[in-house]
PDB file of N, CA and C in Angstrom:
ATOM      1  N   MET A   1     122.472 134.146 104.386  1.00  0.00           N
ATOM      2  CA  MET A   1     122.534 133.452 103.347  1.00  0.00           C
ATOM      3  C   MET A   1     123.488 134.883 102.514  1.00  0.00           C
ATOM      4  N   GLY A   2     124.551 134.536 102.167  1.00  0.00           N
ATOM      5  CA  GLY A   2     125.630 135.963 101.759  1.00  0.00           C
ATOM      6  C   GLY A   2     125.039 136.220 100.315  1.00  0.00           C
ATOM      7  N   VAL A   3     125.784 138.029 100.391  1.00  0.00           N
ATOM      8  CA  VAL A   3     126.011 138.308  98.440  1.00  0.00           C
ATOM      9  C   VAL A   3     126.314 137.602  97.605  1.00  0.00           C
ATOM     10  N   LYS A   4     127.282 136.603  98.030  1.00  0.00           N
ATOM     11  CA  LYS A   4     128.199 135.343  97.104  1.00  0.00           C
ATOM     12  C   LYS A   4     127.050 134.391  96.557  1.00  0.00           C
ATOM     13  N   ASN A   5     126.418 133.896  97.550  1.00  0.00           N
ATOM     14  CA  ASN A   5     125.315 133.058  97.780  1.00  0.00           C
ATOM     15  C   ASN A   5     124.588 133.360  96.549  1.00  0.00           C
ATOM     16  N   VAL A   6     123.970 134.569  96.882  1.00  0.00           N
ATOM     17  CA  VAL A   6     122.875 135.045  96.503  1.00  0.00           C
ATOM     18  C   VAL A   6     123.280 134.772  94.512  1.00  0.00           C
ATOM     19  N   ALA A   7     124.245 135.844  94.515  1.00  0.00           N
ATOM     20  CA  ALA A   7     124.795 136.168  93.252  1.00  0.00           C
ATOM     21  C   ALA A   7     125.150 134.398  92.549  1.00  0.00           C
ATOM     22  N   ARG A   8     126.139 133.303  93.120  1.00  0.00           N
ATOM     23  CA  ARG A   8     125.895 132.139  92.388  1.00  0.00           C
ATOM     24  C   ARG A   8     124.559 131.570  92.412  1.00  0.00           C
ATOM     25  N   ARG A   9     123.584 131.165  92.762  1.00  0.00           N
ATOM     26  CA  ARG A   9     122.236 131.088  92.881  1.00  0.00           C
ATOM     27  C   ARG A   9     121.174 131.761  91.443  1.00  0.00           C
ATOM     28  N   LEU A  10     121.353 132.625  91.471  1.00  0.00           N
ATOM     29  CA  LEU A  10     121.198 133.679  90.155  1.00  0.00           C
ATOM     30  C   LEU A  10     121.475 133.415  88.784  1.00  0.00           C
ATOM     31  N   ARG A  11     122.897 132.959  89.032  1.00  0.00           N
ATOM     32  CA  ARG A  11     123.687 132.624  87.801  1.00  0.00           C
ATOM     33  C   ARG A  11     123.458 131.259  87.309  1.00  0.00           C
ATOM     34  N   THR A  12     123.208 130.182  88.202  1.00  0.00           N
ATOM     35  CA  THR A  12     122.527 129.055  88.001  1.00  0.00           C
ATOM     36  C   THR A  12     121.375 128.647  86.346  1.00  0.00           C
ATOM     37  N   PRO A  13     122.221 128.186  85.642  1.00  0.00           N
ATOM     38  CA  PRO A  13     121.410 127.769  84.537  1.00  0.00           C
ATOM     39  C   PRO A  13     120.223 127.326  85.005  1.00  0.00           C
ATOM     40  N   ASN A  14     118.886 127.586  83.940  1.00  0.00           N
ATOM     41  CA  ASN A  14     117.802 127.342  83.801  1.00  0.00           C
ATOM     42  C   ASN A  14     117.500 125.951  84.160  1.00  0.00           C
ATOM     43  N   GLY A  15     118.157 125.366  83.017  1.00  0.00           N
ATOM     44  CA  GLY A  15     118.646 123.370  83.044  1.00  0.00           C
ATOM     45  C   GLY A  15     118.631 123.083  84.511  1.00  0.00           C
ATOM     46  N   ASP A  16     119.686 123.498  85.590  1.00  0.00           N
ATOM     47  CA  ASP A  16     119.016 123.122  86.889  1.00  0.00           C
ATOM     48  C   ASP A  16     117.901 123.031  87.766  1.00  0.00           C
ATOM     49  N   LEU A  17     117.732 124.840  87.216  1.00  0.00           N
ATOM     50  CA  LEU A  17     116.227 124.980  87.959  1.00  0.00           C
ATOM     51  C   LEU A  17     115.033 124.263  87.446  1.00  0.00           C
ATOM     52  N   GLN A  18     115.366 123.917  86.444  1.00  0.00           N
ATOM     53  CA  GLN A  18     114.083 122.576  86.052  1.00  0.00           C
ATOM     54  C   GLN A  18     114.096 121.402  86.877  1.00  0.00           C
ATOM     55  N   ARG A  19     115.241 120.962  86.282  1.00  0.00           N
ATOM     56  CA  ARG A  19     115.244 119.573  87.284  1.00  0.00           C
ATOM     57  C   ARG A  19     115.072 119.627  88.566  1.00  0.00           C
ATOM     58  N   ARG A  20     115.737 120.684  89.224  1.00  0.00           N
ATOM     59  CA  ARG A  20     114.962 120.883  90.845  1.00  0.00           C
ATOM     60  C   ARG A  20     113.830 120.760  90.744  1.00  0.00           C
ATOM     61  N   VAL A  21     113.088 121.491  90.326  1.00  0.00           N
ATOM     62  CA  VAL A  21     112.025 121.582  90.287  1.00  0.00           C
ATOM     63  C   VAL A  21     111.116 120.228  90.172  1.00  0.00           C
ATOM     64  N   ALA A  22     111.336 119.449  89.144  1.00  0.00           N
ATOM     65  CA  ALA A  22     110.831 118.106  88.950  1.00  0.00           C
ATOM     66  C   ALA A  22     111.237 117.393  90.071  1.00  0.00           C
ATOM     67  N   GLU A  23     112.723 117.220  89.998  1.00  0.00           N
ATOM     68  CA  GLU A  23     112.867 116.528  92.053  1.00  0.00           C
ATOM     69  C   GLU A  23     112.210 117.101  92.556  1.00  0.00           C
ATOM     70  N   LEU A  24     111.873 118.011  93.130  1.00  0.00           N
ATOM     71  CA  LEU A  24     110.738 118.928  94.038  1.00  0.00           C
ATOM     72  C   LEU A  24     109.601 118.167  93.463  1.00  0.00           C
ATOM     73  N   GLU A  25     108.758 117.879  92.684  1.00  0.00           N
ATOM     74  CA  GLU A  25     107.461 117.765  92.246  1.00  0.00           C
ATOM     75  C   GLU A  25     107.825 116.240  92.658  1.00  0.00           C
ATOM     76  N   ALA A  26     108.356 115.260  92.102  1.00  0.00           N
ATOM     77  CA  ALA A  26     108.169 114.042  92.451  1.00  0.00           C
ATOM     78  C   ALA A  26     108.351 113.995  94.252  1.00  0.00           C
ATOM     79  N   GLU A  27     109.133 114.604  94.635  1.00  0.00           N
ATOM     80  CA  GLU A  27     109.428 113.873  96.149  1.00  0.00           C
ATOM     81  C   GLU A  27     108.257 114.642  97.059  1.00  0.00           C
ATOM     82  N   VAL A  28     106.507 115.886  95.888  1.00  0.00           N
ATOM     83  CA  VAL A  28     105.831 115.920  96.654  1.00  0.00           C
ATOM     84  C   VAL A  28     104.776 114.840  96.709  1.00  0.00           C
ATOM     85  N   GLN A  29     104.932 113.980  94.973  1.00  0.00           N
ATOM     86  CA  GLN A  29     104.259 113.303  94.176  1.00  0.00           C
ATOM     87  C   GLN A  29     104.129 111.896  95.724  1.00  0.00           C
ATOM     88  N   GLU A  30     105.664 111.782  96.566  1.00  0.00           N
ATOM     89  CA  GLU A  30     105.328 110.504  97.079  1.00  0.00           C
ATOM     90  C   GLU A  30     105.006 110.831  98.312  1.00  0.00           C
ATOM     91  N   CYS A  31     105.248 112.175  98.602  1.00  0.00           N
ATOM     92  CA  CYS A  31     104.698 112.591 100.018  1.00  0.00           C
ATOM     93  C   CYS A  31     102.784 112.269 100.043  1.00  0.00           C
ATOM     94  N   ARG A  32     102.583 112.626  98.817  1.00  0.00           N
ATOM     95  CA  ARG A  32     100.986 112.690  98.199  1.00  0.00           C
ATOM     96  C   ARG A  32     100.817 110.772  98.910  1.00  0.00           C
ATOM     97  N   GLN A  33     101.356 110.011  98.103  1.00  0.00           N
ATOM     98  CA  GLN A  33     101.266 108.919  98.185  1.00  0.00           C
ATOM     99  C   GLN A  33     101.628 108.629  99.310  1.00  0.00           C
ATOM    100  N   LEU A  34     101.839 108.751 100.011  1.00  0.00           N
ATOM    101  CA  LEU A  34     102.722 108.031 101.978  1.00  0.00           C
ATOM    102  C   LEU A  34     101.489 108.626 102.735  1.00  0.00           C
ATOM    103  N   ASN A  35     100.859 109.795 102.303  1.00  0.00           N
ATOM    104  CA  ASN A  35     100.158 110.955 103.238  1.00  0.00           C
ATOM    105  C   ASN A  35      98.155 109.656 103.095  1.00  0.00           C
ATOM    106  N   GLN A  36      98.652 109.625 101.597  1.00  0.00           N
ATOM    107  CA  GLN A  36      97.119 108.429 101.473  1.00  0.00           C
ATOM    108  C   GLN A  36      97.625 107.153 102.106  1.00  0.00           C
ATOM    109  N   ARG A  37      98.392 106.714 102.204  1.00  0.00           N
ATOM    110  CA  ARG A  37      98.238 105.126 102.571  1.00  0.00           C
ATOM    111  C   ARG A  37      98.567 105.330 103.900  1.00  0.00           C
ATOM    112  N   LEU A  38      98.921 106.601 104.591  1.00  0.00           N
ATOM    113  CA  LEU A  38      98.741 106.401 106.310  1.00  0.00           C
ATOM    114  C   LEU A  38      97.183 106.947 106.747  1.00  0.00           C
ATOM    115  N   ALA A  39      96.660 107.730 106.071  1.00  0.00           N
ATOM    116  CA  ALA A  39      95.354 107.839 106.295  1.00  0.00           C
ATOM    117  C   ALA A  39      94.121 106.292 105.457  1.00  0.00           C
ATOM    118  N   GLU A  40      94.953 105.714 105.091  1.00  0.00           N
ATOM    119  CA  GLU A  40      94.228 104.502 104.357  1.00  0.00           C
ATOM    120  C   GLU A  40      94.302 103.440 105.917  1.00  0.00           C
ATOM    121  N   LEU A  41      95.364 103.475 106.157  1.00  0.00           N
ATOM    122  CA  LEU A  41      95.639 102.600 107.571  1.00  0.00           C
ATOM    123  C   LEU A  41      94.876 103.055 108.631  1.00  0.00           C
ATOM    124  N   THR A  42      94.591 104.439 109.190  1.00  0.00           N
ATOM    125  CA  THR A  42      94.782 105.232 109.922  1.00  0.00           C
ATOM    126  C   THR A  42      93.013 104.750 109.879  1.00  0.00           C
ATOM    127  N   ASP A  43      92.385 104.697 108.490  1.00  0.00           N
ATOM    128  CA  ASP A  43      90.860 104.422 109.298  1.00  0.00           C
ATOM    129  C   ASP A  43      90.778 102.730 109.320  1.00  0.00           C
ATOM    130  N   ILE A  44      91.614 101.773 108.457  1.00  0.00           N
ATOM    131  CA  ILE A  44      91.502 100.622 108.679  1.00  0.00           C
ATOM    132  C   ILE A  44      92.020 100.189 110.484  1.00  0.00           C
ATOM    133  N   VAL A  45      92.895 100.695 111.208  1.00  0.00           N
ATOM    134  CA  VAL A  45      92.903 100.460 112.666  1.00  0.00           C
ATOM    135  C   VAL A  45      91.762 101.338 113.565  1.00  0.00           C
ATOM    136  N   THR A  46      91.283 102.129 113.097  1.00  0.00           N
ATOM    137  CA  THR A  46      89.930 102.604 113.726  1.00  0.00           C
ATOM    138  C   THR A  46      89.001 102.138 113.577  1.00  0.00           C
ATOM    139  N   ASP A  47      88.664 101.342 112.375  1.00  0.00           N
ATOM    140  CA  ASP A  47      87.438 100.370 112.325  1.00  0.00           C
ATOM    141  C   ASP A  47      87.587  98.889 112.964  1.00  0.00           C
ATOM    142  N   LEU A  48      88.947  98.839 113.507  1.00  0.00           N
ATOM    143  CA  LEU A  48      89.216  97.574 113.957  1.00  0.00           C
ATOM    144  C   LEU A  48      88.829  98.346 115.160  1.00  0.00           C
ATOM    145  N   LEU A  49      89.154  99.017 116.030  1.00  0.00           N
ATOM    146  CA  LEU A  49      89.470  99.928 117.094  1.00  0.00           C
ATOM    147  C   LEU A  49      88.043 100.324 118.014  1.00  0.00           C
ATOM    148  N   VAL A  50      86.831 100.251 117.477  1.00  0.00           N
ATOM    149  CA  VAL A  50      85.635 100.565 117.252  1.00  0.00           C
ATOM    150  C   VAL A  50      85.092  99.758 117.882  1.00  0.00           C
ATOM    151  N   PRO A  51      85.146  98.423 116.881  1.00  0.00           N
ATOM    152  CA  PRO A  51      84.227  97.255 117.401  1.00  0.00           C
ATOM    153  C   PRO A  51      85.140  96.379 119.545  1.00  0.00           C
ATOM    154  N   LEU A  52      86.299  96.776 118.832  1.00  0.00           N
ATOM    155  CA  LEU A  52      87.098  96.349 120.059  1.00  0.00           C
ATOM    156  C   LEU A  52      86.386  96.850 121.345  1.00  0.00           C
ATOM    157  N   ALA A  53      86.638  97.835 121.014  1.00  0.00           N
ATOM    158  CA  ALA A  53      86.274  98.964 122.573  1.00  0.00           C
ATOM    159  C   ALA A  53      84.736  98.656 122.902  1.00  0.00           C
ATOM    160  N   ARG A  54      84.225  98.693 121.879  1.00  0.00           N
ATOM    161  CA  ARG A  54      82.641  98.156 122.228  1.00  0.00           C
ATOM    162  C   ARG A  54      82.658  96.898 122.613  1.00  0.00           C
ATOM    163  N   GLY A  55      83.302  95.878 122.560  1.00  0.00           N
ATOM    164  CA  GLY A  55      83.022  94.584 122.707  1.00  0.00           C
ATOM    165  C   GLY A  55      82.346  93.671 121.939  1.00  0.00           C
ATOM    166  N   ASP A  56      82.527  94.316 120.676  1.00  0.00           N
ATOM    167  CA  ASP A  56      82.102  93.750 119.511  1.00  0.00           C
ATOM    168  C   ASP A  56      82.092  92.904 118.711  1.00  0.00           C
ATOM    169  N   ARG A  57      82.657  91.730 119.061  1.00  0.00           N
ATOM    170  CA  ARG A  57      83.532  90.450 118.211  1.00  0.00           C
ATOM    171  C   ARG A  57      82.606  90.277 116.823  1.00  0.00           C
ATOM    172  N   ALA A  58      81.156  90.316 116.652  1.00  0.00           N
ATOM    173  CA  ALA A  58      81.232  89.638 115.414  1.00  0.00           C
ATOM    174  C   ALA A  58      81.358  91.027 114.592  1.00  0.00           C
ATOM    175  N   GLY A  59      81.337  92.555 115.233  1.00  0.00           N
ATOM    176  CA  GLY A  59      81.724  94.076 114.306  1.00  0.00           C
ATOM    177  C   GLY A  59      83.093  93.713 114.368  1.00  0.00           C
ATOM    178  N   LEU A  60      83.953  92.915 114.590  1.00  0.00           N
ATOM    179  CA  LEU A  60      85.377  93.197 114.903  1.00  0.00           C
ATOM    180  C   LEU A  60      85.356  91.947 113.577  1.00  0.00           C
ATOM    181  N   ASP A  61      85.520  90.290 113.254  1.00  0.00           N
ATOM    182  CA  ASP A  61      84.984  90.015 112.881  1.00  0.00           C
ATOM    183  C   ASP A  61      84.764  89.929 111.205  1.00  0.00           C
ATOM    184  N   GLU A  62      84.116  90.666 111.183  1.00  0.00           N
ATOM    185  CA  GLU A  62      83.402  91.388 110.073  1.00  0.00           C
ATOM    186  C   GLU A  62      84.051  92.243 108.992  1.00  0.00           C
ATOM    187  N   THR A  63      84.384  93.185 109.785  1.00  0.00           N
ATOM    188  CA  THR A  63      86.333  94.485 109.529  1.00  0.00           C
ATOM    189  C   THR A  63      87.227  93.485 109.260  1.00  0.00           C
ATOM    190  N   LEU A  64      87.630  92.455 110.289  1.00  0.00           N
ATOM    191  CA  LEU A  64      88.657  91.651 109.293  1.00  0.00           C
ATOM    192  C   LEU A  64      88.388  90.872 107.674  1.00  0.00           C
ATOM    193  N   ALA A  65      86.967  90.220 108.050  1.00  0.00           N
ATOM    194  CA  ALA A  65      86.915  89.480 106.595  1.00  0.00           C
ATOM    195  C   ALA A  65      87.170  90.586 105.591  1.00  0.00           C
ATOM    196  N   LYS A  66      86.412  91.794 105.645  1.00  0.00           N
ATOM    197  CA  LYS A  66      86.897  92.579 104.531  1.00  0.00           C
ATOM    198  C   LYS A  66      87.918  93.303 104.514  1.00  0.00           C
ATOM    199  N   TYR A  67      88.836  93.706 105.333  1.00  0.00           N
ATOM    200  CA  TYR A  67      90.220  93.799 104.912  1.00  0.00           C
ATOM    201  C   TYR A  67      90.514  93.140 104.300  1.00  0.00           C
ATOM    202  N   HIS A  68      90.895  91.246 104.965  1.00  0.00           N
ATOM    203  CA  HIS A  68      91.099  90.115 104.195  1.00  0.00           C
ATOM    204  C   HIS A  68      90.726  89.982 102.585  1.00  0.00           C
ATOM    205  N   GLU A  69      89.451  90.553 102.479  1.00  0.00           N
ATOM    206  CA  GLU A  69      89.240  90.327 100.705  1.00  0.00           C
ATOM    207  C   GLU A  69      89.123  91.555 100.024  1.00  0.00           C
ATOM    208  N   SER A  70      89.529  92.326 100.485  1.00  0.00           N
ATOM    209  CA  SER A  70      90.435  93.885  99.898  1.00  0.00           C
ATOM    210  C   SER A  70      92.098  93.515  99.812  1.00  0.00           C
ATOM    211  N   LEU A  71      92.604  92.634  99.881  1.00  0.00           N
ATOM    212  CA  LEU A  71      93.838  92.109 100.039  1.00  0.00           C
ATOM    213  C   LEU A  71      93.798  91.530  98.931  1.00  0.00           C
TER     214      LEU A  71
END
Protein backbone atom coordinates (compact mmCIF):
# COMPACT_ATOMS: atom_id res chain seq x y z
CA MET A 1 0.00 0.00 0.00
CA GLY A 2 1.45 3.33 -1.04
CA VAL A 3 1.87 6.43 1.12
CA LYS A 4 -0.93 8.19 -0.75
CA ASN A 5 -3.35 5.36 -0.01
CA VAL A 6 -2.45 5.41 3.69
CA ALA A 7 -2.87 9.17 3.85
CA ARG A 8 -6.22 8.91 2.07
CA ARG A 9 -7.42 6.25 4.50
CA LEU A 10 -6.36 8.35 7.49
CA ARG A 11 -8.39 11.30 6.16
CA THR A 12 -11.53 9.19 5.83
CA PRO A 13 -14.31 10.77 7.85
CA ASN A 14 -15.21 9.02 11.08
CA GLY A 15 -18.71 8.32 9.75
CA ASP A 16 -17.29 6.15 7.00
CA LEU A 17 -15.30 4.18 9.54
CA GLN A 18 -18.34 3.70 11.75
CA ARG A 19 -20.41 2.59 8.75
CA ARG A 20 -17.74 0.09 7.73
CA VAL A 21 -17.46 -1.30 11.26
CA ALA A 22 -21.25 -1.74 11.35
CA GLU A 23 -21.12 -3.57 7.99
CA LEU A 24 -18.34 -5.84 9.24
CA GLU A 25 -20.24 -6.60 12.45
CA ALA A 26 -23.29 -7.58 10.39
CA GLU A 27 -21.15 -9.83 8.20
CA VAL A 28 -19.59 -11.47 11.27
CA GLN A 29 -23.06 -12.12 12.69
CA GLU A 30 -24.15 -13.67 9.40
CA CYS A 31 -21.07 -15.92 9.44
CA ARG A 32 -21.87 -16.98 13.00
CA GLN A 33 -25.41 -17.91 12.00
CA LEU A 34 -24.18 -19.86 8.99
CA ASN A 35 -21.61 -21.69 11.12
CA GLN A 36 -24.30 -22.56 13.66
CA ARG A 37 -26.54 -23.93 10.92
CA LEU A 38 -23.64 -25.92 9.46
CA ALA A 39 -22.93 -27.42 12.89
CA GLU A 40 -26.60 -28.38 13.25
CA LEU A 41 -26.62 -30.03 9.83
CA THR A 42 -23.38 -31.86 10.61
CA ASP A 43 -24.99 -33.21 13.78
CA ILE A 44 -28.02 -34.41 11.83
CA VAL A 45 -25.87 -36.15 9.23
CA THR A 46 -23.80 -37.80 11.96
CA ASP A 47 -26.97 -38.93 13.74
CA LEU A 48 -28.12 -40.53 10.50
CA LEU A 49 -24.84 -42.10 9.45
CA VAL A 50 -24.03 -43.84 12.74
CA PRO A 51 -27.16 -46.04 12.73
CA LEU A 52 -26.64 -46.72 9.01
CA ALA A 53 -23.05 -47.80 9.58
CA ARG A 54 -24.17 -50.13 12.38
CA GLY A 55 -27.03 -51.54 10.31
CA ASP A 56 -29.41 -50.25 12.99
CA ARG A 57 -32.63 -49.66 11.09
CA ALA A 58 -34.61 -48.98 14.27
CA GLY A 59 -32.10 -46.33 15.36
CA LEU A 60 -32.27 -44.72 11.94
CA ASP A 61 -36.07 -44.66 11.98
CA GLU A 62 -36.02 -43.13 15.49
CA THR A 63 -33.58 -40.41 14.38
CA LEU A 64 -35.67 -39.62 11.32
CA ALA A 65 -38.84 -39.44 13.42
CA LYS A 66 -37.19 -37.00 15.85
CA TYR A 67 -35.97 -34.87 12.95
CA HIS A 68 -39.41 -34.75 11.33
CA GLU A 69 -41.00 -33.77 14.67
CA SER A 70 -38.54 -30.91 15.05
CA LEU A 71 -39.57 -29.37 11.71
